[in-house]
Amino acid sequence: MNSRELFERREELKHVISELRDELKDVEQQLHDTFFTQARDALRADGKDFGTTYIVAGNRKLKATVRKKVVWDQDELGCVLEAMPEEDARHYGKLTLAVDERKYTAAPPAIRNLLEPCRTVEVGGFTIEESD
């Protein structure tokens, strides 16, 4: 191929990739709409809001994962971290005014109680796959 043909082919491939990405996004949304509620119900039956579970659809076993996304109230978290001893605030907080989830989970109850009003947990993502 000459350079002109290479550029033309690259543009064709970019267009195909873009169309496939859009189609994949649509399929992912349809899978979410079809299975998310069932997966969330299965997790809640196990006393969980997030994690991995298995569901059955027809004669297929599916593995569903609901990831969590934690959002911190920046203003309130800033006030809480400022009121803590400096060493604790530096350990638990980040400059972006977030608390590492592992540290929050491992924190003593008194610290967790202070941080809790600043914390919001949302669905961070959902995947569904066929299971063996």
Foldseek 3Di string as FASTA:
>chain_A
DDPVVVVVVVVVVVVVVVVVVVVVVVVQVVCCVVPVVVQCVQQVVVVHRFAWDWDDDDNFIKIKGWAKDKAFQQVLLVVLLVPDPVVVSVQQADPVSDGDPVCLVVDPPVSVVSRVVGMDMDTPDMDMDTDD
